[in-house]
Amino acid sequence: MASQNIKEWYNKSRTVSLEYLDLADTPKPKVFELANNIGVVYDRVSLLSKVSLKHFYALKEENRALRYEISVLQKAVSSLEKEVLCQNPLTKTEVRELVREIARQPKLVEEEALKLTEELKKIREIKEQIQRLPDLELPPENAYIILETDGSMLGWDDICKWKPNKNDPRSTEKICSYAHGKFPVIKSLIDAEIYAAMETMSALKIHYMDKKEITLRMGSEEEASASTRFPLLTEYEDLIHDTLPKIFLKEEHDKRNRMARIEDEAIIGILSRMCELELILQMKEYDFNARRHKEGGVDNYWRNHYDDVIESRKDLFNEVQRMQQIGREIRHVPP
């Protein structure tokens, strides 16, 4: 484009028609002829200077554009170099561990399916228990009263139960009343339990005013009864106290089957928690593996403790196998 503009300017200039006169064979050239040749030479030198300047500025702009492009490419190469250095290739040991991890995936899926099946089984059992809940029954005159209370930061709930005698098992307890309410202000957990007990005593006092002794069961973790913290243990204990002397009776047979199911539920609960912990350690191992490469350098926290996490997973896997063996031994000797 610049050359075309220069050519167009030259064609329209006044020097386009100038011709250089050959005076080599002329013995005495005239003054106007010499002036003509000098003018032609001058115009051509001026034209050369202008063309050279045009090319110089064009080359300067091109050089500036190339420098900018080089700068952009240098930044891109630098970023790519950093990314490549951060993503170091896996070592032989890491590849082997990754292959083992992939091989364990079907087992994890199977364990999750088993866990989901057990959860669905528990849901069905809870629904059946809800449908079998007894109706409220008024206590007789000499019944022993139990007040169960549970408080949260927002409110409280309580249940009034009774049984014929104080030392009777919990399976004989029957519900006669319940109450609940909200606190005017949010309370701490400890204060909530204290106020829940006070509200319970006030709301259900009609059931125990003539009693010399009652039982108050708190719902807090520090003061909770065994039934709150260990429901399977409580039910197992009640079934033991309610066993009949003759094993061939249908009722006794059903209770023994329920005791066996309680043992299975406890075993499955332990295995589920251990499998969940194994998955947690798996995610921890993944996190340590990623961080030890991103942080860079040889000495960092995640690189130094990465092998410890792997060893913990191996130890836990061995304990799971051991727990499964213990579960089989317990099932081999039913109650």
C-alpha atoms as a PDB file:
ATOM      1  CA  MET A   1       0.000   0.000   0.000  1.00  0.00           C
ATOM      2  CA  ALA A   2       2.846   2.403   0.840  1.00  0.00           C
ATOM      3  CA  SER A   3       4.639   1.643  -2.467  1.00  0.00           C
ATOM      4  CA  GLN A   4       1.454   2.302  -4.446  1.00  0.00           C
ATOM      5  CA  ASN A   5       0.974   5.671  -2.720  1.00  0.00           C
ATOM      6  CA  ILE A   6       4.553   6.643  -3.462  1.00  0.00           C
ATOM      7  CA  LYS A   7       4.190   5.667  -7.121  1.00  0.00           C
ATOM      8  CA  GLU A   8       0.975   7.667  -7.433  1.00  0.00           C
ATOM      9  CA  TRP A   9       2.644  10.732  -5.885  1.00  0.00           C
ATOM     10  CA  TYR A  10       5.619  10.460  -8.213  1.00  0.00           C
ATOM     11  CA  ASN A  11       3.441  10.200 -11.336  1.00  0.00           C
ATOM     12  CA  LYS A  12       1.672  13.443 -10.405  1.00  0.00           C
ATOM     13  CA  SER A  13       4.792  15.389  -9.418  1.00  0.00           C
ATOM     14  CA  ARG A  14       6.484  17.983 -11.605  1.00  0.00           C
ATOM     15  CA  THR A  15       9.643  15.902 -11.945  1.00  0.00           C
ATOM     16  CA  VAL A  16       7.956  13.089 -13.771  1.00  0.00           C
ATOM     17  CA  SER A  17       8.769  14.563 -17.219  1.00  0.00           C
ATOM     18  CA  LEU A  18      12.399  15.513 -16.463  1.00  0.00           C
ATOM     19  CA  GLU A  19      14.954  13.733 -18.577  1.00  0.00           C
ATOM     20  CA  TYR A  20      18.671  13.498 -17.956  1.00  0.00           C
ATOM     21  CA  LEU A  21      20.727  14.880 -20.857  1.00  0.00           C
ATOM     22  CA  ASP A  22      23.794  12.988 -21.996  1.00  0.00           C
ATOM     23  CA  LEU A  23      26.504  15.675 -22.279  1.00  0.00           C
ATOM     24  CA  ALA A  24      29.524  13.389 -22.389  1.00  0.00           C
ATOM     25  CA  ASP A  25      30.205  14.047 -26.080  1.00  0.00           C
ATOM     26  CA  THR A  26      29.337  17.748 -25.959  1.00  0.00           C
ATOM     27  CA  PRO A  27      32.571  19.833 -25.854  1.00  0.00           C
ATOM     28  CA  LYS A  28      30.934  22.924 -24.461  1.00  0.00           C
ATOM     29  CA  PRO A  29      27.602  22.174 -22.780  1.00  0.00           C
ATOM     30  CA  LYS A  30      25.375  25.108 -22.211  1.00  0.00           C
ATOM     31  CA  VAL A  31      24.472  26.431 -18.791  1.00  0.00           C
ATOM     32  CA  PHE A  32      20.747  25.530 -18.995  1.00  0.00           C
ATOM     33  CA  GLU A  33      21.720  21.950 -19.944  1.00  0.00           C
ATOM     34  CA  LEU A  34      23.930  21.655 -16.889  1.00  0.00           C
ATOM     35  CA  ALA A  35      21.186  23.197 -14.766  1.00  0.00           C
ATOM     36  CA  ASN A  36      18.724  20.656 -16.177  1.00  0.00           C
ATOM     37  CA  ASN A  37      20.950  17.713 -15.256  1.00  0.00           C
ATOM     38  CA  ILE A  38      21.609  19.150 -11.783  1.00  0.00           C
ATOM     39  CA  GLY A  39      17.841  19.571 -11.272  1.00  0.00           C
ATOM     40  CA  VAL A  40      17.179  16.011 -12.430  1.00  0.00           C
ATOM     41  CA  VAL A  41      19.831  14.634 -10.069  1.00  0.00           C
ATOM     42  CA  TYR A  42      18.485  16.715  -7.190  1.00  0.00           C
ATOM     43  CA  ASP A  43      14.885  15.623  -7.779  1.00  0.00           C
ATOM     44  CA  ARG A  44      15.903  11.969  -7.980  1.00  0.00           C
ATOM     45  CA  VAL A  45      17.970  12.240  -4.785  1.00  0.00           C
ATOM     46  CA  SER A  46      15.019  13.916  -3.037  1.00  0.00           C
ATOM     47  CA  LEU A  47      12.692  11.199  -4.315  1.00  0.00           C
ATOM     48  CA  LEU A  48      15.068   8.507  -3.031  1.00  0.00           C
ATOM     49  CA  SER A  49      15.166  10.180   0.390  1.00  0.00           C
ATOM     50  CA  LYS A  50      11.384  10.349   0.591  1.00  0.00           C
ATOM     51  CA  VAL A  51      11.001   6.707  -0.453  1.00  0.00           C
ATOM     52  CA  SER A  52      13.664   5.646   2.057  1.00  0.00           C
ATOM     53  CA  LEU A  53      11.893   7.546   4.854  1.00  0.00           C
ATOM     54  CA  LYS A  54       8.582   5.926   3.934  1.00  0.00           C
ATOM     55  CA  HIS A  55      10.155   2.474   4.061  1.00  0.00           C
ATOM     56  CA  PHE A  56      11.911   3.325   7.315  1.00  0.00           C
ATOM     57  CA  TYR A  57       8.652   4.264   9.070  1.00  0.00           C
ATOM     58  CA  ALA A  58       6.914   1.202   7.619  1.00  0.00           C
ATOM     59  CA  LEU A  59       9.687  -1.055   8.914  1.00  0.00           C
ATOM     60  CA  LYS A  60       9.555   0.715  12.277  1.00  0.00           C
ATOM     61  CA  GLU A  61       5.814   0.031  12.634  1.00  0.00           C
ATOM     62  CA  GLU A  62       6.296  -3.573  11.576  1.00  0.00           C
ATOM     63  CA  ASN A  63       9.113  -3.952  14.100  1.00  0.00           C
ATOM     64  CA  ARG A  64       6.890  -2.510  16.856  1.00  0.00           C
ATOM     65  CA  ALA A  65       4.090  -4.975  15.983  1.00  0.00           C
ATOM     66  CA  LEU A  66       6.545  -7.881  16.015  1.00  0.00           C
ATOM     67  CA  ARG A  67       7.882  -6.836  19.422  1.00  0.00           C
ATOM     68  CA  TYR A  68       4.352  -6.749  20.840  1.00  0.00           C
ATOM     69  CA  GLU A  69       3.609 -10.182  19.394  1.00  0.00           C
ATOM     70  CA  ILE A  70       6.856 -11.547  20.842  1.00  0.00           C
ATOM     71  CA  SER A  71       5.920 -10.138  24.265  1.00  0.00           C
ATOM     72  CA  VAL A  72       2.509 -11.843  24.131  1.00  0.00           C
ATOM     73  CA  LEU A  73       4.083 -15.145  23.097  1.00  0.00           C
ATOM     74  CA  GLN A  74       6.663 -14.912  25.903  1.00  0.00           C
ATOM     75  CA  LYS A  75       3.904 -14.470  28.487  1.00  0.00           C
ATOM     76  CA  ALA A  76       1.970 -17.420  27.054  1.00  0.00           C
ATOM     77  CA  VAL A  77       5.079 -19.628  27.074  1.00  0.00           C
ATOM     78  CA  SER A  78       5.836 -18.594  30.668  1.00  0.00           C
ATOM     79  CA  SER A  79       2.302 -19.501  31.802  1.00  0.00           C
ATOM     80  CA  LEU A  80       2.475 -22.812  29.963  1.00  0.00           C
ATOM     81  CA  GLU A  81       5.843 -23.572  31.541  1.00  0.00           C
ATOM     82  CA  LYS A  82       4.474 -22.938  35.044  1.00  0.00           C
ATOM     83  CA  GLU A  83       1.473 -25.188  34.373  1.00  0.00           C
ATOM     84  CA  VAL A  84       3.696 -27.991  33.070  1.00  0.00           C
ATOM     85  CA  LEU A  85       6.002 -27.730  36.090  1.00  0.00           C
ATOM     86  CA  CYS A  86       3.037 -27.848  38.501  1.00  0.00           C
ATOM     87  CA  GLN A  87       1.646 -30.983  36.851  1.00  0.00           C
ATOM     88  CA  ASN A  88       4.545 -33.330  37.242  1.00  0.00           C
ATOM     89  CA  PRO A  89       4.083 -36.791  35.714  1.00  0.00           C
ATOM     90  CA  LEU A  90       3.082 -39.577  38.094  1.00  0.00           C
ATOM     91  CA  THR A  91       5.794 -41.811  39.460  1.00  0.00           C
ATOM     92  CA  LYS A  92       5.771 -45.576  39.118  1.00  0.00           C
ATOM     93  CA  THR A  93       4.550 -45.979  42.701  1.00  0.00           C
ATOM     94  CA  GLU A  94       1.746 -43.459  42.185  1.00  0.00           C
ATOM     95  CA  VAL A  95       0.618 -45.211  39.002  1.00  0.00           C
ATOM     96  CA  ARG A  96       0.470 -48.542  40.836  1.00  0.00           C
ATOM     97  CA  GLU A  97      -1.512 -47.000  43.676  1.00  0.00           C
ATOM     98  CA  LEU A  98      -3.904 -45.408  41.182  1.00  0.00           C
ATOM     99  CA  VAL A  99      -4.434 -48.785  39.490  1.00  0.00           C
ATOM    100  CA  ARG A 100      -5.189 -50.377  42.866  1.00  0.00           C
ATOM    101  CA  GLU A 101      -7.630 -47.568  43.620  1.00  0.00           C
ATOM    102  CA  ILE A 102      -9.444 -48.105  40.320  1.00  0.00           C
ATOM    103  CA  ALA A 103      -9.588 -51.837  41.002  1.00  0.00           C
ATOM    104  CA  ARG A 104     -11.240 -51.145  44.366  1.00  0.00           C
ATOM    105  CA  GLN A 105     -14.006 -49.014  42.860  1.00  0.00           C
ATOM    106  CA  PRO A 106     -16.389 -51.933  42.128  1.00  0.00           C
ATOM    107  CA  LYS A 107     -16.006 -53.050  45.731  1.00  0.00           C
ATOM    108  CA  LEU A 108     -16.861 -49.556  46.984  1.00  0.00           C
ATOM    109  CA  VAL A 109     -19.960 -49.494  44.782  1.00  0.00           C
ATOM    110  CA  GLU A 110     -20.991 -52.863  46.180  1.00  0.00           C
ATOM    111  CA  GLU A 111     -20.484 -51.629  49.735  1.00  0.00           C
ATOM    112  CA  GLU A 112     -22.535 -48.501  49.037  1.00  0.00           C
ATOM    113  CA  ALA A 113     -25.325 -50.644  47.573  1.00  0.00           C
ATOM    114  CA  LEU A 114     -25.242 -52.859  50.673  1.00  0.00           C
ATOM    115  CA  LYS A 115     -25.323 -49.800  52.903  1.00  0.00           C
ATOM    116  CA  LEU A 116     -28.294 -48.378  50.989  1.00  0.00           C
ATOM    117  CA  THR A 117     -30.116 -51.702  51.305  1.00  0.00           C
ATOM    118  CA  GLU A 118     -29.591 -51.701  55.057  1.00  0.00           C
ATOM    119  CA  GLU A 119     -30.814 -48.112  55.316  1.00  0.00           C
ATOM    120  CA  LEU A 120     -33.982 -49.001  53.402  1.00  0.00           C
ATOM    121  CA  LYS A 121     -34.464 -51.968  55.696  1.00  0.00           C
ATOM    122  CA  LYS A 122     -34.198 -49.683  58.725  1.00  0.00           C
ATOM    123  CA  ILE A 123     -36.724 -47.284  57.207  1.00  0.00           C
ATOM    124  CA  ARG A 124     -39.207 -50.105  56.701  1.00  0.00           C
ATOM    125  CA  GLU A 125     -38.705 -51.260  60.296  1.00  0.00           C
ATOM    126  CA  ILE A 126     -39.236 -47.715  61.591  1.00  0.00           C
ATOM    127  CA  LYS A 127     -42.459 -47.426  59.609  1.00  0.00           C
ATOM    128  CA  GLU A 128     -43.650 -50.731  61.042  1.00  0.00           C
ATOM    129  CA  GLN A 129     -42.796 -49.592  64.576  1.00  0.00           C
ATOM    130  CA  ILE A 130     -44.678 -46.330  64.055  1.00  0.00           C
ATOM    131  CA  GLN A 131     -47.743 -48.240  62.959  1.00  0.00           C
ATOM    132  CA  ARG A 132     -47.474 -50.446  66.065  1.00  0.00           C
ATOM    133  CA  LEU A 133     -47.266 -47.536  68.521  1.00  0.00           C
ATOM    134  CA  PRO A 134     -49.702 -48.109  71.403  1.00  0.00           C
ATOM    135  CA  ASP A 135     -52.518 -45.741  72.281  1.00  0.00           C
ATOM    136  CA  LEU A 136     -52.350 -43.517  75.346  1.00  0.00           C
ATOM    137  CA  GLU A 137     -53.326 -45.353  78.532  1.00  0.00           C
ATOM    138  CA  LEU A 138     -54.162 -43.707  81.853  1.00  0.00           C
ATOM    139  CA  PRO A 139     -52.002 -45.018  84.700  1.00  0.00           C
ATOM    140  CA  PRO A 140     -53.582 -46.922  87.609  1.00  0.00           C
ATOM    141  CA  GLU A 141     -53.469 -45.420  91.089  1.00  0.00           C
ATOM    142  CA  ASN A 142     -50.301 -47.184  92.259  1.00  0.00           C
ATOM    143  CA  ALA A 143     -48.381 -46.949  88.976  1.00  0.00           C
ATOM    144  CA  TYR A 144     -44.784 -45.738  88.871  1.00  0.00           C
ATOM    145  CA  ILE A 145     -44.349 -42.516  86.826  1.00  0.00           C
ATOM    146  CA  ILE A 146     -41.462 -41.743  84.456  1.00  0.00           C
ATOM    147  CA  LEU A 147     -41.002 -38.306  82.873  1.00  0.00           C
ATOM    148  CA  GLU A 148     -38.818 -38.134  79.770  1.00  0.00           C
ATOM    149  CA  THR A 149     -37.755 -34.666  78.624  1.00  0.00           C
ATOM    150  CA  ASP A 150     -35.719 -33.345  75.732  1.00  0.00           C
ATOM    151  CA  GLY A 151     -34.754 -29.701  75.218  1.00  0.00           C
ATOM    152  CA  SER A 152     -33.235 -27.798  72.325  1.00  0.00           C
ATOM    153  CA  MET A 153     -32.241 -24.170  71.850  1.00  0.00           C
ATOM    154  CA  LEU A 154     -35.738 -23.338  70.563  1.00  0.00           C
ATOM    155  CA  GLY A 155     -38.110 -25.463  72.624  1.00  0.00           C
ATOM    156  CA  TRP A 156     -38.820 -28.616  74.596  1.00  0.00           C
ATOM    157  CA  ASP A 157     -40.740 -31.915  74.379  1.00  0.00           C
ATOM    158  CA  ASP A 158     -41.657 -34.402  77.084  1.00  0.00           C
ATOM    159  CA  ILE A 159     -43.464 -37.703  77.548  1.00  0.00           C
ATOM    160  CA  CYS A 160     -45.117 -39.109  80.648  1.00  0.00           C
ATOM    161  CA  LYS A 161     -44.857 -42.897  80.980  1.00  0.00           C
ATOM    162  CA  TRP A 162     -45.923 -45.368  83.637  1.00  0.00           C
ATOM    163  CA  LYS A 163     -45.298 -48.981  84.585  1.00  0.00           C
ATOM    164  CA  PRO A 164     -46.775 -51.146  87.346  1.00  0.00           C
ATOM    165  CA  ASN A 165     -43.609 -51.192  89.500  1.00  0.00           C
ATOM    166  CA  LYS A 166     -40.361 -49.258  89.629  1.00  0.00           C
ATOM    167  CA  ASN A 167     -38.147 -52.274  88.877  1.00  0.00           C
ATOM    168  CA  ASP A 168     -40.191 -53.507  85.939  1.00  0.00           C
ATOM    169  CA  PRO A 169     -38.352 -53.584  82.583  1.00  0.00           C
ATOM    170  CA  ARG A 170     -38.799 -50.739  80.143  1.00  0.00           C
ATOM    171  CA  SER A 171     -40.776 -52.911  77.798  1.00  0.00           C
ATOM    172  CA  THR A 172     -43.662 -52.616  80.257  1.00  0.00           C
ATOM    173  CA  GLU A 173     -43.686 -48.805  80.123  1.00  0.00           C
ATOM    174  CA  LYS A 174     -46.748 -47.208  78.571  1.00  0.00           C
ATOM    175  CA  ILE A 175     -47.355 -43.629  77.453  1.00  0.00           C
ATOM    176  CA  CYS A 176     -50.089 -41.721  79.213  1.00  0.00           C
ATOM    177  CA  SER A 177     -49.408 -38.105  78.202  1.00  0.00           C
ATOM    178  CA  TYR A 178     -47.092 -35.755  76.400  1.00  0.00           C
ATOM    179  CA  ALA A 179     -46.418 -32.010  76.162  1.00  0.00           C
ATOM    180  CA  HIS A 180     -44.249 -29.574  74.254  1.00  0.00           C
ATOM    181  CA  GLY A 181     -43.545 -25.867  73.975  1.00  0.00           C
ATOM    182  CA  LYS A 182     -41.192 -23.134  72.761  1.00  0.00           C
ATOM    183  CA  PHE A 183     -38.800 -20.946  74.698  1.00  0.00           C
ATOM    184  CA  PRO A 184     -39.340 -17.164  74.461  1.00  0.00           C
ATOM    185  CA  VAL A 185     -35.611 -16.697  73.755  1.00  0.00           C
ATOM    186  CA  ILE A 186     -32.950 -19.008  72.374  1.00  0.00           C
ATOM    187  CA  LYS A 187     -31.056 -20.869  75.110  1.00  0.00           C
ATOM    188  CA  SER A 188     -27.804 -22.762  75.315  1.00  0.00           C
ATOM    189  CA  LEU A 189     -27.936 -26.558  75.278  1.00  0.00           C
ATOM    190  CA  ILE A 190     -27.361 -26.909  79.021  1.00  0.00           C
ATOM    191  CA  ASP A 191     -29.899 -24.213  79.909  1.00  0.00           C
ATOM    192  CA  ALA A 192     -32.339 -25.753  77.437  1.00  0.00           C
ATOM    193  CA  GLU A 193     -32.230 -29.098  79.249  1.00  0.00           C
ATOM    194  CA  ILE A 194     -32.707 -27.433  82.640  1.00  0.00           C
ATOM    195  CA  TYR A 195     -35.655 -25.336  81.467  1.00  0.00           C
ATOM    196  CA  ALA A 196     -37.110 -28.352  79.640  1.00  0.00           C
ATOM    197  CA  ALA A 197     -37.110 -30.299  82.916  1.00  0.00           C
ATOM    198  CA  MET A 198     -38.786 -27.388  84.721  1.00  0.00           C
ATOM    199  CA  GLU A 199     -41.456 -27.060  82.032  1.00  0.00           C
ATOM    200  CA  THR A 200     -42.043 -30.814  82.095  1.00  0.00           C
ATOM    201  CA  MET A 201     -42.494 -30.863  85.869  1.00  0.00           C
ATOM    202  CA  SER A 202     -44.986 -28.022  85.568  1.00  0.00           C
ATOM    203  CA  ALA A 203     -46.944 -29.347  82.587  1.00  0.00           C
ATOM    204  CA  LEU A 204     -47.312 -32.934  83.824  1.00  0.00           C
ATOM    205  CA  LYS A 205     -47.582 -32.392  87.579  1.00  0.00           C
ATOM    206  CA  ILE A 206     -51.117 -33.777  87.626  1.00  0.00           C
ATOM    207  CA  HIS A 207     -49.660 -37.248  87.009  1.00  0.00           C
ATOM    208  CA  TYR A 208     -47.161 -37.285  89.885  1.00  0.00           C
ATOM    209  CA  MET A 209     -48.407 -34.906  92.609  1.00  0.00           C
ATOM    210  CA  ASP A 210     -49.500 -37.839  94.798  1.00  0.00           C
ATOM    211  CA  LYS A 211     -46.353 -39.900  94.148  1.00  0.00           C
ATOM    212  CA  LYS A 212     -43.522 -40.249  96.622  1.00  0.00           C
ATOM    213  CA  GLU A 213     -40.976 -41.067  93.939  1.00  0.00           C
ATOM    214  CA  ILE A 214     -40.716 -40.659  90.159  1.00  0.00           C
ATOM    215  CA  THR A 215     -37.991 -40.929  87.512  1.00  0.00           C
ATOM    216  CA  LEU A 216     -36.910 -37.955  85.403  1.00  0.00           C
ATOM    217  CA  ARG A 217     -34.945 -38.831  82.277  1.00  0.00           C
ATOM    218  CA  MET A 218     -33.023 -35.965  80.692  1.00  0.00           C
ATOM    219  CA  GLY A 219     -32.416 -35.774  76.974  1.00  0.00           C
ATOM    220  CA  SER A 220     -28.965 -34.117  77.091  1.00  0.00           C
ATOM    221  CA  GLU A 221     -25.934 -36.087  76.136  1.00  0.00           C
ATOM    222  CA  GLU A 222     -24.356 -35.806  79.582  1.00  0.00           C
ATOM    223  CA  GLU A 223     -27.481 -36.909  81.461  1.00  0.00           C
ATOM    224  CA  ALA A 224     -29.201 -39.011  78.823  1.00  0.00           C
ATOM    225  CA  SER A 225     -30.278 -42.513  79.743  1.00  0.00           C
ATOM    226  CA  ALA A 226     -28.962 -45.580  78.014  1.00  0.00           C
ATOM    227  CA  SER A 227     -32.137 -45.775  75.944  1.00  0.00           C
ATOM    228  CA  THR A 228     -31.231 -42.485  74.255  1.00  0.00           C
ATOM    229  CA  ARG A 229     -27.579 -43.243  73.592  1.00  0.00           C
ATOM    230  CA  PHE A 230     -27.802 -47.016  73.072  1.00  0.00           C
ATOM    231  CA  PRO A 231     -31.302 -47.916  71.849  1.00  0.00           C
ATOM    232  CA  LEU A 232     -30.233 -51.361  70.595  1.00  0.00           C
ATOM    233  CA  LEU A 233     -28.642 -52.175  73.956  1.00  0.00           C
ATOM    234  CA  THR A 234     -31.784 -51.066  75.800  1.00  0.00           C
ATOM    235  CA  GLU A 235     -34.049 -53.206  73.625  1.00  0.00           C
ATOM    236  CA  TYR A 236     -31.686 -56.165  73.946  1.00  0.00           C
ATOM    237  CA  GLU A 237     -31.721 -55.791  77.739  1.00  0.00           C
ATOM    238  CA  ASP A 238     -35.521 -55.648  77.825  1.00  0.00           C
ATOM    239  CA  LEU A 239     -35.776 -58.771  75.689  1.00  0.00           C
ATOM    240  CA  ILE A 240     -33.434 -60.627  78.024  1.00  0.00           C
ATOM    241  CA  HIS A 241     -35.571 -59.707  81.052  1.00  0.00           C
ATOM    242  CA  ASP A 242     -38.737 -60.722  79.196  1.00  0.00           C
ATOM    243  CA  THR A 243     -37.525 -64.135  78.013  1.00  0.00           C
ATOM    244  CA  LEU A 244     -39.793 -67.060  78.735  1.00  0.00           C
ATOM    245  CA  PRO A 245     -38.585 -70.271  80.414  1.00  0.00           C
ATOM    246  CA  LYS A 246     -39.499 -72.494  77.445  1.00  0.00           C
ATOM    247  CA  ILE A 247     -37.652 -71.858  74.215  1.00  0.00           C
ATOM    248  CA  PHE A 248     -40.161 -73.724  72.033  1.00  0.00           C
ATOM    249  CA  LEU A 249     -42.894 -71.142  72.626  1.00  0.00           C
ATOM    250  CA  LYS A 250     -43.574 -68.902  69.615  1.00  0.00           C
ATOM    251  CA  GLU A 251     -43.245 -65.692  71.632  1.00  0.00           C
ATOM    252  CA  GLU A 252     -39.851 -66.751  72.966  1.00  0.00           C
ATOM    253  CA  HIS A 253     -38.744 -67.778  69.478  1.00  0.00           C
ATOM    254  CA  ASP A 254     -39.729 -64.365  68.060  1.00  0.00           C
ATOM    255  CA  LYS A 255     -37.830 -62.562  70.817  1.00  0.00           C
ATOM    256  CA  ARG A 256     -34.706 -64.600  70.137  1.00  0.00           C
ATOM    257  CA  ASN A 257     -34.941 -63.768  66.449  1.00  0.00           C
ATOM    258  CA  ARG A 258     -35.258 -60.086  67.325  1.00  0.00           C
ATOM    259  CA  MET A 259     -32.179 -60.334  69.566  1.00  0.00           C
ATOM    260  CA  ALA A 260     -30.250 -61.846  66.651  1.00  0.00           C
ATOM    261  CA  ARG A 261     -31.383 -59.002  64.394  1.00  0.00           C
ATOM    262  CA  ILE A 262     -30.229 -56.484  67.022  1.00  0.00           C
ATOM    263  CA  GLU A 263     -26.773 -58.071  66.945  1.00  0.00           C
ATOM    264  CA  ASP A 264     -26.780 -57.859  63.135  1.00  0.00           C
ATOM    265  CA  GLU A 265     -27.802 -54.189  63.241  1.00  0.00           C
ATOM    266  CA  ALA A 266     -24.974 -53.392  65.669  1.00  0.00           C
ATOM    267  CA  ILE A 267     -22.430 -55.221  63.472  1.00  0.00           C
ATOM    268  CA  ILE A 268     -23.675 -53.541  60.294  1.00  0.00           C
ATOM    269  CA  GLY A 269     -23.588 -50.151  62.027  1.00  0.00           C
ATOM    270  CA  ILE A 270     -19.938 -50.621  62.981  1.00  0.00           C
ATOM    271  CA  LEU A 271     -18.986 -51.799  59.483  1.00  0.00           C
ATOM    272  CA  SER A 272     -20.859 -48.904  57.883  1.00  0.00           C
ATOM    273  CA  ARG A 273     -19.023 -46.369  60.037  1.00  0.00           C
ATOM    274  CA  MET A 274     -15.684 -48.018  59.285  1.00  0.00           C
ATOM    275  CA  CYS A 275     -16.417 -48.024  55.536  1.00  0.00           C
ATOM    276  CA  GLU A 276     -17.418 -44.362  55.766  1.00  0.00           C
ATOM    277  CA  LEU A 277     -14.141 -43.588  57.529  1.00  0.00           C
ATOM    278  CA  GLU A 278     -12.269 -45.460  54.791  1.00  0.00           C
ATOM    279  CA  LEU A 279     -13.934 -43.259  52.160  1.00  0.00           C
ATOM    280  CA  ILE A 280     -13.008 -40.182  54.198  1.00  0.00           C
ATOM    281  CA  LEU A 281      -9.369 -41.290  54.285  1.00  0.00           C
ATOM    282  CA  GLN A 282      -9.556 -41.901  50.551  1.00  0.00           C
ATOM    283  CA  MET A 283     -10.582 -38.277  49.994  1.00  0.00           C
ATOM    284  CA  LYS A 284      -7.859 -37.174  52.437  1.00  0.00           C
ATOM    285  CA  GLU A 285      -5.269 -39.124  50.444  1.00  0.00           C
ATOM    286  CA  TYR A 286      -6.484 -37.468  47.231  1.00  0.00           C
ATOM    287  CA  ASP A 287      -6.228 -34.023  48.869  1.00  0.00           C
ATOM    288  CA  PHE A 288      -2.702 -34.657  50.183  1.00  0.00           C
ATOM    289  CA  ASN A 289      -1.590 -36.002  46.802  1.00  0.00           C
ATOM    290  CA  ALA A 290      -2.864 -32.897  45.015  1.00  0.00           C
ATOM    291  CA  ARG A 291      -1.447 -30.420  47.548  1.00  0.00           C
ATOM    292  CA  ARG A 292       2.011 -31.963  47.720  1.00  0.00           C
ATOM    293  CA  HIS A 293       2.441 -31.243  43.973  1.00  0.00           C
ATOM    294  CA  LYS A 294       0.844 -27.788  43.992  1.00  0.00           C
ATOM    295  CA  GLU A 295       2.891 -26.463  46.913  1.00  0.00           C
ATOM    296  CA  GLY A 296       6.150 -27.336  45.150  1.00  0.00           C
ATOM    297  CA  GLY A 297       9.449 -28.211  46.712  1.00  0.00           C
ATOM    298  CA  VAL A 298      10.539 -31.393  48.452  1.00  0.00           C
ATOM    299  CA  ASP A 299       9.717 -30.499  52.053  1.00  0.00           C
ATOM    300  CA  ASN A 300       6.117 -29.591  52.774  1.00  0.00           C
ATOM    301  CA  TYR A 301       3.472 -30.836  55.185  1.00  0.00           C
ATOM    302  CA  TRP A 302       1.430 -32.799  52.651  1.00  0.00           C
ATOM    303  CA  ARG A 303       4.431 -34.510  51.052  1.00  0.00           C
ATOM    304  CA  ASN A 304       5.895 -35.491  54.434  1.00  0.00           C
ATOM    305  CA  HIS A 305       2.625 -37.010  55.728  1.00  0.00           C
ATOM    306  CA  TYR A 306       1.252 -38.495  52.493  1.00  0.00           C
ATOM    307  CA  ASP A 307       2.686 -41.943  53.291  1.00  0.00           C
ATOM    308  CA  ASP A 308       1.175 -41.784  56.802  1.00  0.00           C
ATOM    309  CA  VAL A 309      -2.299 -41.315  55.321  1.00  0.00           C
ATOM    310  CA  ILE A 310      -1.763 -44.321  53.034  1.00  0.00           C
ATOM    311  CA  GLU A 311      -0.647 -46.457  55.996  1.00  0.00           C
ATOM    312  CA  SER A 312      -3.720 -45.389  57.983  1.00  0.00           C
ATOM    313  CA  ARG A 313      -5.962 -46.516  55.123  1.00  0.00           C
ATOM    314  CA  LYS A 314      -4.192 -49.882  54.969  1.00  0.00           C
ATOM    315  CA  ASP A 315      -4.539 -50.373  58.734  1.00  0.00           C
ATOM    316  CA  LEU A 316      -8.218 -49.449  58.591  1.00  0.00           C
ATOM    317  CA  PHE A 317      -8.778 -51.892  55.719  1.00  0.00           C
ATOM    318  CA  ASN A 318      -7.229 -54.676  57.832  1.00  0.00           C
ATOM    319  CA  GLU A 319      -9.446 -53.716  60.773  1.00  0.00           C
ATOM    320  CA  VAL A 320     -12.529 -53.873  58.542  1.00  0.00           C
ATOM    321  CA  GLN A 321     -11.557 -57.399  57.505  1.00  0.00           C
ATOM    322  CA  ARG A 322     -11.041 -58.301  61.162  1.00  0.00           C
ATOM    323  CA  MET A 323     -14.406 -56.809  62.138  1.00  0.00           C
ATOM    324  CA  GLN A 324     -16.137 -58.798  59.402  1.00  0.00           C
ATOM    325  CA  GLN A 325     -14.576 -61.970  60.808  1.00  0.00           C
ATOM    326  CA  ILE A 326     -15.768 -61.067  64.329  1.00  0.00           C
ATOM    327  CA  GLY A 327     -19.261 -60.463  62.943  1.00  0.00           C
ATOM    328  CA  ARG A 328     -19.299 -63.924  61.369  1.00  0.00           C
ATOM    329  CA  GLU A 329     -18.218 -65.444  64.682  1.00  0.00           C
ATOM    330  CA  ILE A 330     -21.004 -63.616  66.548  1.00  0.00           C
ATOM    331  CA  ARG A 331     -23.608 -64.750  64.006  1.00  0.00           C
ATOM    332  CA  HIS A 332     -22.328 -68.313  64.340  1.00  0.00           C
ATOM    333  CA  VAL A 333     -23.525 -68.302  67.984  1.00  0.00           C
ATOM    334  CA  PRO A 334     -27.081 -66.856  67.908  1.00  0.00           C
ATOM    335  CA  PRO A 335     -28.789 -65.791  71.161  1.00  0.00           C
END
